């Protein structure tokens, strides 16, 4: 799709993962074939940046309605959240 990527990582095993502003996550195997995809529930929360962990958890900075940083599991469950000033 034409959504903006806000996080991308290449892992030591050659796989690549990326996540978009709308929460669409994709992991590619080392041959660049889609290995996993899922959607995270932060649509409308204005995600401004993301970091992808090796187990496909995603740490994201959210700027609305209040600035914060949150961590989501691949099943969409929010694992933790903390208030932050101007997270990026």
PDB file of N, CA and C in Angstrom:
ATOM      1  N   UNK A   1       0.841  -1.184   0.000  1.00  0.00           N
ATOM      2  CA  UNK A   1       0.000   0.000   0.000  1.00  0.00           C
ATOM      3  C   UNK A   1       0.884   1.245   0.000  1.00  0.00           C
ATOM      4  N   UNK A   2       0.290   2.395   0.000  1.00  0.00           N
ATOM      5  CA  UNK A   2       1.058   3.641  -0.087  1.00  0.00           C
ATOM      6  C   UNK A   2       1.219   4.317   1.261  1.00  0.00           C
ATOM      7  N   UNK A   3       1.219   3.556   2.308  1.00  0.00           N
ATOM      8  CA  UNK A   3       1.361   4.091   3.652  1.00  0.00           C
ATOM      9  C   UNK A   3       2.833   4.366   3.954  1.00  0.00           C
ATOM     10  N   UNK A   4       3.095   5.333   4.827  1.00  0.00           N
ATOM     11  CA  UNK A   4       4.448   5.717   5.195  1.00  0.00           C
ATOM     12  C   UNK A   4       5.048   4.727   6.189  1.00  0.00           C
ATOM     13  N   UNK A   5       6.274   4.281   5.933  1.00  0.00           N
ATOM     14  CA  UNK A   5       6.973   3.416   6.888  1.00  0.00           C
ATOM     15  C   UNK A   5       7.536   4.281   8.006  1.00  0.00           C
ATOM     16  N   UNK A   6       7.332   3.822   9.254  1.00  0.00           N
ATOM     17  CA  UNK A   6       7.862   4.558  10.398  1.00  0.00           C
ATOM     18  C   UNK A   6       8.910   3.759  11.155  1.00  0.00           C
ATOM     19  N   UNK A   7       9.117   2.522  10.765  1.00  0.00           N
ATOM     20  CA  UNK A   7      10.142   1.694  11.387  1.00  0.00           C
ATOM     21  C   UNK A   7      10.530   0.549  10.479  1.00  0.00           C
ATOM     22  N   UNK A   8      11.835   0.244  10.455  1.00  0.00           N
ATOM     23  CA  UNK A   8      12.327  -0.851   9.635  1.00  0.00           C
ATOM     24  C   UNK A   8      13.600  -1.384  10.273  1.00  0.00           C
ATOM     25  N   UNK A   9      13.801  -2.694  10.206  1.00  0.00           N
ATOM     26  CA  UNK A   9      15.002  -3.281  10.796  1.00  0.00           C
ATOM     27  C   UNK A   9      15.415  -4.513  10.016  1.00  0.00           C
ATOM     28  N   UNK A  10      16.727  -4.657   9.823  1.00  0.00           N
ATOM     29  CA  UNK A  10      17.310  -5.891   9.278  1.00  0.00           C
ATOM     30  C   UNK A  10      17.924  -6.632  10.453  1.00  0.00           C
ATOM     31  N   UNK A  11      17.585  -7.914  10.563  1.00  0.00           N
ATOM     32  CA  UNK A  11      18.064  -8.728  11.664  1.00  0.00           C
ATOM     33  C   UNK A  11      19.279  -9.552  11.247  1.00  0.00           C
ATOM     34  N   UNK A  12      20.085 -10.023  12.216  1.00  0.00           N
ATOM     35  CA  UNK A  12      21.302 -10.785  11.904  1.00  0.00           C
ATOM     36  C   UNK A  12      21.051 -12.033  11.046  1.00  0.00           C
ATOM     37  N   UNK A  13      19.840 -12.616  11.119  1.00  0.00           N
ATOM     38  CA  UNK A  13      19.544 -13.814  10.325  1.00  0.00           C
ATOM     39  C   UNK A  13      19.178 -13.484   8.876  1.00  0.00           C
ATOM     40  N   UNK A  14      19.209 -12.198   8.506  1.00  0.00           N
ATOM     41  CA  UNK A  14      18.921 -11.794   7.135  1.00  0.00           C
ATOM     42  C   UNK A  14      17.479 -11.395   6.884  1.00  0.00           C
ATOM     43  N   UNK A  15      16.601 -11.580   7.868  1.00  0.00           N
ATOM     44  CA  UNK A  15      15.213 -11.163   7.691  1.00  0.00           C
ATOM     45  C   UNK A  15      15.106  -9.648   7.866  1.00  0.00           C
ATOM     46  N   UNK A  16      14.040  -9.093   7.322  1.00  0.00           N
ATOM     47  CA  UNK A  16      13.766  -7.660   7.409  1.00  0.00           C
ATOM     48  C   UNK A  16      12.324  -7.499   7.873  1.00  0.00           C
ATOM     49  N   UNK A  17      12.093  -6.539   8.742  1.00  0.00           N
ATOM     50  CA  UNK A  17      10.726  -6.239   9.172  1.00  0.00           C
ATOM     51  C   UNK A  17      10.498  -4.741   9.053  1.00  0.00           C
ATOM     52  N   UNK A  18       9.266  -4.369   8.720  1.00  0.00           N
ATOM     53  CA  UNK A  18       8.915  -2.948   8.683  1.00  0.00           C
ATOM     54  C   UNK A  18       7.485  -2.777   9.150  1.00  0.00           C
ATOM     55  N   UNK A  19       7.193  -1.576   9.645  1.00  0.00           N
ATOM     56  CA  UNK A  19       5.863  -1.248  10.131  1.00  0.00           C
ATOM     57  C   UNK A  19       5.499   0.143   9.604  1.00  0.00           C
ATOM     58  N   UNK A  20       4.225   0.304   9.247  1.00  0.00           N
ATOM     59  CA  UNK A  20       3.772   1.563   8.665  1.00  0.00           C
ATOM     60  C   UNK A  20       3.050   2.426   9.698  1.00  0.00           C
ATOM     61  N   UNK A  21       2.817   3.664   9.337  1.00  0.00           N
ATOM     62  CA  UNK A  21       2.118   4.604  10.208  1.00  0.00           C
ATOM     63  C   UNK A  21       0.729   4.086  10.596  1.00  0.00           C
ATOM     64  N   UNK A  22       0.079   3.330   9.710  1.00  0.00           N
ATOM     65  CA  UNK A  22      -1.256   2.800  10.005  1.00  0.00           C
ATOM     66  C   UNK A  22      -1.210   1.542  10.873  1.00  0.00           C
ATOM     67  N   UNK A  23      -0.009   0.983  11.136  1.00  0.00           N
ATOM     68  CA  UNK A  23       0.116  -0.196  11.981  1.00  0.00           C
ATOM     69  C   UNK A  23       0.272  -1.500  11.222  1.00  0.00           C
ATOM     70  N   UNK A  24       0.449  -1.445   9.911  1.00  0.00           N
ATOM     71  CA  UNK A  24       0.640  -2.673   9.129  1.00  0.00           C
ATOM     72  C   UNK A  24       2.094  -3.135   9.276  1.00  0.00           C
ATOM     73  N   UNK A  25       2.283  -4.367   9.755  1.00  0.00           N
ATOM     74  CA  UNK A  25       3.599  -4.961  10.007  1.00  0.00           C
ATOM     75  C   UNK A  25       3.854  -6.034   8.963  1.00  0.00           C
ATOM     76  N   UNK A  26       5.076  -6.079   8.439  1.00  0.00           N
ATOM     77  CA  UNK A  26       5.473  -7.132   7.506  1.00  0.00           C
ATOM     78  C   UNK A  26       6.887  -7.576   7.844  1.00  0.00           C
ATOM     79  N   UNK A  27       7.090  -8.890   7.853  1.00  0.00           N
ATOM     80  CA  UNK A  27       8.447  -9.453   7.984  1.00  0.00           C
ATOM     81  C   UNK A  27       8.738 -10.211   6.700  1.00  0.00           C
ATOM     82  N   UNK A  28       9.911  -9.961   6.125  1.00  0.00           N
ATOM     83  CA  UNK A  28      10.363 -10.640   4.921  1.00  0.00           C
ATOM     84  C   UNK A  28      11.477 -11.608   5.288  1.00  0.00           C
ATOM     85  N   UNK A  29      11.473 -12.792   4.665  1.00  0.00           N
ATOM     86  CA  UNK A  29      12.569 -13.728   4.924  1.00  0.00           C
ATOM     87  C   UNK A  29      13.827 -13.246   4.190  1.00  0.00           C
ATOM     88  N   UNK A  30      14.911 -13.987   4.302  1.00  0.00           N
ATOM     89  CA  UNK A  30      16.173 -13.516   3.722  1.00  0.00           C
ATOM     90  C   UNK A  30      16.156 -13.518   2.199  1.00  0.00           C
ATOM     91  N   UNK A  31      15.124 -14.118   1.590  1.00  0.00           N
ATOM     92  CA  UNK A  31      14.955 -14.072   0.140  1.00  0.00           C
ATOM     93  C   UNK A  31      13.924 -13.006  -0.269  1.00  0.00           C
ATOM     94  N   UNK A  32      13.555 -12.156   0.682  1.00  0.00           N
ATOM     95  CA  UNK A  32      12.602 -11.050   0.487  1.00  0.00           C
ATOM     96  C   UNK A  32      11.185 -11.514   0.161  1.00  0.00           C
ATOM     97  N   UNK A  33      10.839 -12.697   0.621  1.00  0.00           N
ATOM     98  CA  UNK A  33       9.466 -13.198   0.501  1.00  0.00           C
ATOM     99  C   UNK A  33       8.733 -12.890   1.792  1.00  0.00           C
ATOM    100  N   UNK A  34       7.466 -12.526   1.691  1.00  0.00           N
ATOM    101  CA  UNK A  34       6.677 -12.195   2.881  1.00  0.00           C
ATOM    102  C   UNK A  34       6.533 -13.420   3.767  1.00  0.00           C
ATOM    103  N   UNK A  35       7.000 -13.306   5.015  1.00  0.00           N
ATOM    104  CA  UNK A  35       6.952 -14.419   5.957  1.00  0.00           C
ATOM    105  C   UNK A  35       5.853 -14.231   6.999  1.00  0.00           C
ATOM    106  N   UNK A  36       5.543 -12.982   7.326  1.00  0.00           N
ATOM    107  CA  UNK A  36       4.543 -12.716   8.357  1.00  0.00           C
ATOM    108  C   UNK A  36       3.988 -11.314   8.150  1.00  0.00           C
ATOM    109  N   UNK A  37       2.695 -11.168   8.409  1.00  0.00           N
ATOM    110  CA  UNK A  37       2.073  -9.857   8.322  1.00  0.00           C
ATOM    111  C   UNK A  37       0.932  -9.778   9.323  1.00  0.00           C
ATOM    112  N   UNK A  38       0.754  -8.625   9.920  1.00  0.00           N
ATOM    113  CA  UNK A  38      -0.361  -8.395  10.829  1.00  0.00           C
ATOM    114  C   UNK A  38      -0.573  -6.901  10.982  1.00  0.00           C
ATOM    115  N   UNK A  39      -1.699  -6.529  11.563  1.00  0.00           N
ATOM    116  CA  UNK A  39      -2.020  -5.119  11.795  1.00  0.00           C
ATOM    117  C   UNK A  39      -2.068  -4.830  13.280  1.00  0.00           C
ATOM    118  N   UNK A  40      -1.476  -3.708  13.663  1.00  0.00           N
ATOM    119  CA  UNK A  40      -1.482  -3.268  15.053  1.00  0.00           C
ATOM    120  C   UNK A  40      -2.530  -2.174  15.232  1.00  0.00           C
ATOM    121  N   UNK A  41      -3.174  -2.111  16.407  1.00  0.00           N
ATOM    122  CA  UNK A  41      -4.345  -1.251  16.608  1.00  0.00           C
ATOM    123  C   UNK A  41      -4.043   0.187  17.008  1.00  0.00           C
ATOM    124  N   UNK A  42      -3.216   0.878  16.237  1.00  0.00           N
ATOM    125  CA  UNK A  42      -2.973   2.269  16.606  1.00  0.00           C
ATOM    126  C   UNK A  42      -3.471   3.234  15.547  1.00  0.00           C
ATOM    127  N   UNK A  43      -4.350   2.780  14.678  1.00  0.00           N
ATOM    128  CA  UNK A  43      -4.912   3.653  13.645  1.00  0.00           C
ATOM    129  C   UNK A  43      -5.557   4.879  14.296  1.00  0.00           C
ATOM    130  N   UNK A  44      -5.261   6.047  13.776  1.00  0.00           N
ATOM    131  CA  UNK A  44      -5.820   7.287  14.293  1.00  0.00           C
ATOM    132  C   UNK A  44      -5.097   7.850  15.495  1.00  0.00           C
ATOM    133  N   UNK A  45      -4.012   7.216  15.939  1.00  0.00           N
ATOM    134  CA  UNK A  45      -3.279   7.680  17.123  1.00  0.00           C
ATOM    135  C   UNK A  45      -2.027   8.474  16.763  1.00  0.00           C
ATOM    136  N   UNK A  46      -1.783   8.724  15.492  1.00  0.00           N
ATOM    137  CA  UNK A  46      -0.651   9.510  15.014  1.00  0.00           C
ATOM    138  C   UNK A  46       0.690   8.947  15.481  1.00  0.00           C
ATOM    139  N   UNK A  47       1.011   7.771  14.998  1.00  0.00           N
ATOM    140  CA  UNK A  47       2.303   7.156  15.277  1.00  0.00           C
ATOM    141  C   UNK A  47       3.386   7.942  14.558  1.00  0.00           C
ATOM    142  N   UNK A  48       4.471   8.278  15.268  1.00  0.00           N
ATOM    143  CA  UNK A  48       5.522   9.110  14.690  1.00  0.00           C
ATOM    144  C   UNK A  48       6.846   8.383  14.506  1.00  0.00           C
ATOM    145  N   UNK A  49       6.995   7.207  15.062  1.00  0.00           N
ATOM    146  CA  UNK A  49       8.217   6.425  14.916  1.00  0.00           C
ATOM    147  C   UNK A  49       8.045   5.072  15.567  1.00  0.00           C
ATOM    148  N   UNK A  50       8.819   4.092  15.122  1.00  0.00           N
ATOM    149  CA  UNK A  50       8.683   2.746  15.683  1.00  0.00           C
ATOM    150  C   UNK A  50      10.019   2.017  15.646  1.00  0.00           C
ATOM    151  N   UNK A  51      10.200   1.138  16.612  1.00  0.00           N
ATOM    152  CA  UNK A  51      11.350   0.249  16.655  1.00  0.00           C
ATOM    153  C   UNK A  51      10.807  -1.174  16.709  1.00  0.00           C
ATOM    154  N   UNK A  52      11.386  -2.068  15.940  1.00  0.00           N
ATOM    155  CA  UNK A  52      10.916  -3.449  15.860  1.00  0.00           C
ATOM    156  C   UNK A  52      11.904  -4.337  16.602  1.00  0.00           C
ATOM    157  N   UNK A  53      11.398  -5.130  17.525  1.00  0.00           N
ATOM    158  CA  UNK A  53      12.230  -6.032  18.319  1.00  0.00           C
ATOM    159  C   UNK A  53      12.304  -7.399  17.642  1.00  0.00           C
ATOM    160  N   UNK A  54      13.303  -8.227  17.952  1.00  0.00           N
ATOM    161  CA  UNK A  54      13.483  -9.514  17.275  1.00  0.00           C
ATOM    162  C   UNK A  54      12.277 -10.452  17.352  1.00  0.00           C
ATOM    163  N   UNK A  55      11.472 -10.359  18.395  1.00  0.00           N
ATOM    164  CA  UNK A  55      10.310 -11.243  18.526  1.00  0.00           C
ATOM    165  C   UNK A  55       9.042 -10.615  17.938  1.00  0.00           C
ATOM    166  N   UNK A  56       9.193  -9.600  17.088  1.00  0.00           N
ATOM    167  CA  UNK A  56       8.115  -8.899  16.383  1.00  0.00           C
ATOM    168  C   UNK A  56       7.261  -8.004  17.272  1.00  0.00           C
ATOM    169  N   UNK A  57       7.704  -7.755  18.520  1.00  0.00           N
ATOM    170  CA  UNK A  57       7.053  -6.694  19.288  1.00  0.00           C
ATOM    171  C   UNK A  57       7.466  -5.369  18.672  1.00  0.00           C
ATOM    172  N   UNK A  58       6.590  -4.371  18.785  1.00  0.00           N
ATOM    173  CA  UNK A  58       6.865  -3.060  18.201  1.00  0.00           C
ATOM    174  C   UNK A  58       6.723  -2.001  19.287  1.00  0.00           C
ATOM    175  N   UNK A  59       7.776  -1.196  19.460  1.00  0.00           N
ATOM    176  CA  UNK A  59       7.742  -0.047  20.364  1.00  0.00           C
ATOM    177  C   UNK A  59       7.477   1.172  19.489  1.00  0.00           C
ATOM    178  N   UNK A  60       6.416   1.916  19.796  1.00  0.00           N
ATOM    179  CA  UNK A  60       5.985   3.018  18.935  1.00  0.00           C
ATOM    180  C   UNK A  60       5.800   4.297  19.736  1.00  0.00           C
ATOM    181  N   UNK A  61       6.141   5.415  19.118  1.00  0.00           N
ATOM    182  CA  UNK A  61       5.859   6.711  19.735  1.00  0.00           C
ATOM    183  C   UNK A  61       4.534   7.212  19.161  1.00  0.00           C
ATOM    184  N   UNK A  62       3.652   7.631  20.052  1.00  0.00           N
ATOM    185  CA  UNK A  62       2.321   8.117  19.677  1.00  0.00           C
ATOM    186  C   UNK A  62       2.178   9.546  20.171  1.00  0.00           C
ATOM    187  N   UNK A  63       1.660  10.410  19.309  1.00  0.00           N
ATOM    188  CA  UNK A  63       1.595  11.821  19.703  1.00  0.00           C
ATOM    189  C   UNK A  63       0.190  12.322  19.991  1.00  0.00           C
ATOM    190  N   UNK A  64      -0.827  11.501  19.823  1.00  0.00           N
ATOM    191  CA  UNK A  64      -2.175  11.970  20.159  1.00  0.00           C
ATOM    192  C   UNK A  64      -3.003  10.809  20.678  1.00  0.00           C
ATOM    193  N   UNK A  65      -3.966  10.996  21.534  1.00  0.00           N
ATOM    194  CA  UNK A  65      -4.390  12.295  22.055  1.00  0.00           C
ATOM    195  C   UNK A  65      -3.413  12.875  23.074  1.00  0.00           C
ATOM    196  N   UNK A  66      -2.591  12.030  23.718  1.00  0.00           N
ATOM    197  CA  UNK A  66      -1.533  12.531  24.612  1.00  0.00           C
ATOM    198  C   UNK A  66      -0.217  11.870  24.192  1.00  0.00           C
ATOM    199  N   UNK A  67       0.913  12.570  24.276  1.00  0.00           N
ATOM    200  CA  UNK A  67       2.195  11.989  23.868  1.00  0.00           C
ATOM    201  C   UNK A  67       2.590  10.822  24.770  1.00  0.00           C
ATOM    202  N   UNK A  68       3.007   9.713  24.131  1.00  0.00           N
ATOM    203  CA  UNK A  68       3.393   8.530  24.900  1.00  0.00           C
ATOM    204  C   UNK A  68       4.173   7.564  24.026  1.00  0.00           C
ATOM    205  N   UNK A  69       4.779   6.583  24.667  1.00  0.00           N
ATOM    206  CA  UNK A  69       5.466   5.489  23.996  1.00  0.00           C
ATOM    207  C   UNK A  69       4.791   4.210  24.464  1.00  0.00           C
ATOM    208  N   UNK A  70       4.519   3.302  23.518  1.00  0.00           N
ATOM    209  CA  UNK A  70       3.834   2.062  23.861  1.00  0.00           C
ATOM    210  C   UNK A  70       4.509   0.889  23.162  1.00  0.00           C
ATOM    211  N   UNK A  71       4.320  -0.299  23.719  1.00  0.00           N
ATOM    212  CA  UNK A  71       4.841  -1.526  23.130  1.00  0.00           C
ATOM    213  C   UNK A  71       3.671  -2.453  22.826  1.00  0.00           C
ATOM    214  N   UNK A  72       3.626  -2.959  21.589  1.00  0.00           N
ATOM    215  CA  UNK A  72       2.557  -3.853  21.155  1.00  0.00           C
ATOM    216  C   UNK A  72       3.116  -5.217  20.791  1.00  0.00           C
ATOM    217  N   UNK A  73       2.378  -6.270  21.155  1.00  0.00           N
ATOM    218  CA  UNK A  73       2.704  -7.641  20.768  1.00  0.00           C
ATOM    219  C   UNK A  73       2.138  -7.909  19.374  1.00  0.00           C
ATOM    220  N   UNK A  74       2.624  -8.943  18.692  1.00  0.00           N
ATOM    221  CA  UNK A  74       2.102  -9.257  17.365  1.00  0.00           C
ATOM    222  C   UNK A  74       0.596  -9.527  17.325  1.00  0.00           C
ATOM    223  N   UNK A  75       0.011  -9.945  18.444  1.00  0.00           N
ATOM    224  CA  UNK A  75      -1.436 -10.170  18.456  1.00  0.00           C
ATOM    225  C   UNK A  75      -2.232  -8.876  18.648  1.00  0.00           C
ATOM    226  N   UNK A  76      -1.535  -7.733  18.730  1.00  0.00           N
ATOM    227  CA  UNK A  76      -2.205  -6.445  18.874  1.00  0.00           C
ATOM    228  C   UNK A  76      -2.382  -5.985  20.303  1.00  0.00           C
ATOM    229  N   UNK A  77      -2.044  -6.833  21.260  1.00  0.00           N
ATOM    230  CA  UNK A  77      -2.199  -6.473  22.662  1.00  0.00           C
ATOM    231  C   UNK A  77      -1.148  -5.431  23.063  1.00  0.00           C
ATOM    232  N   UNK A  78      -1.598  -4.378  23.739  1.00  0.00           N
ATOM    233  CA  UNK A  78      -0.666  -3.377  24.251  1.00  0.00           C
ATOM    234  C   UNK A  78      -0.022  -3.953  25.510  1.00  0.00           C
ATOM    235  N   UNK A  79       1.310  -4.082  25.505  1.00  0.00           N
ATOM    236  CA  UNK A  79       2.024  -4.678  26.626  1.00  0.00           C
ATOM    237  C   UNK A  79       2.350  -3.668  27.702  1.00  0.00           C
ATOM    238  N   UNK A  80       2.695  -2.442  27.289  1.00  0.00           N
ATOM    239  CA  UNK A  80       2.959  -1.367  28.247  1.00  0.00           C
ATOM    240  C   UNK A  80       2.836  -0.036  27.531  1.00  0.00           C
ATOM    241  N   UNK A  81       2.729   0.997  28.343  1.00  0.00           N
ATOM    242  CA  UNK A  81       2.609   2.359  27.817  1.00  0.00           C
ATOM    243  C   UNK A  81       3.136   3.321  28.863  1.00  0.00           C
ATOM    244  N   UNK A  82       3.814   4.383  28.420  1.00  0.00           N
ATOM    245  CA  UNK A  82       4.349   5.381  29.346  1.00  0.00           C
ATOM    246  C   UNK A  82       4.221   6.751  28.693  1.00  0.00           C
ATOM    247  N   UNK A  83       3.875   7.757  29.488  1.00  0.00           N
ATOM    248  CA  UNK A  83       3.807   9.136  29.003  1.00  0.00           C
ATOM    249  C   UNK A  83       5.204   9.602  28.639  1.00  0.00           C
ATOM    250  N   UNK A  84       5.309  10.447  27.605  1.00  0.00           N
ATOM    251  CA  UNK A  84       6.603  10.963  27.178  1.00  0.00           C
ATOM    252  C   UNK A  84       6.412  12.339  26.561  1.00  0.00           C
ATOM    253  N   UNK A  85       7.367  13.215  26.770  1.00  0.00           N
ATOM    254  CA  UNK A  85       7.326  14.543  26.162  1.00  0.00           C
ATOM    255  C   UNK A  85       7.922  14.463  24.764  1.00  0.00           C
ATOM    256  N   UNK A  86       7.162  14.825  23.750  1.00  0.00           N
ATOM    257  CA  UNK A  86       7.619  14.880  22.356  1.00  0.00           C
ATOM    258  C   UNK A  86       8.317  13.600  21.892  1.00  0.00           C
ATOM    259  N   UNK A  87       7.680  12.437  21.990  1.00  0.00           N
ATOM    260  CA  UNK A  87       8.326  11.193  21.551  1.00  0.00           C
ATOM    261  C   UNK A  87       8.458  11.157  20.028  1.00  0.00           C
ATOM    262  N   UNK A  88       9.589  10.673  19.554  1.00  0.00           N
ATOM    263  CA  UNK A  88       9.825  10.498  18.103  1.00  0.00           C
ATOM    264  C   UNK A  88      10.474   9.167  17.823  1.00  0.00           C
TER     265      UNK A  88
END
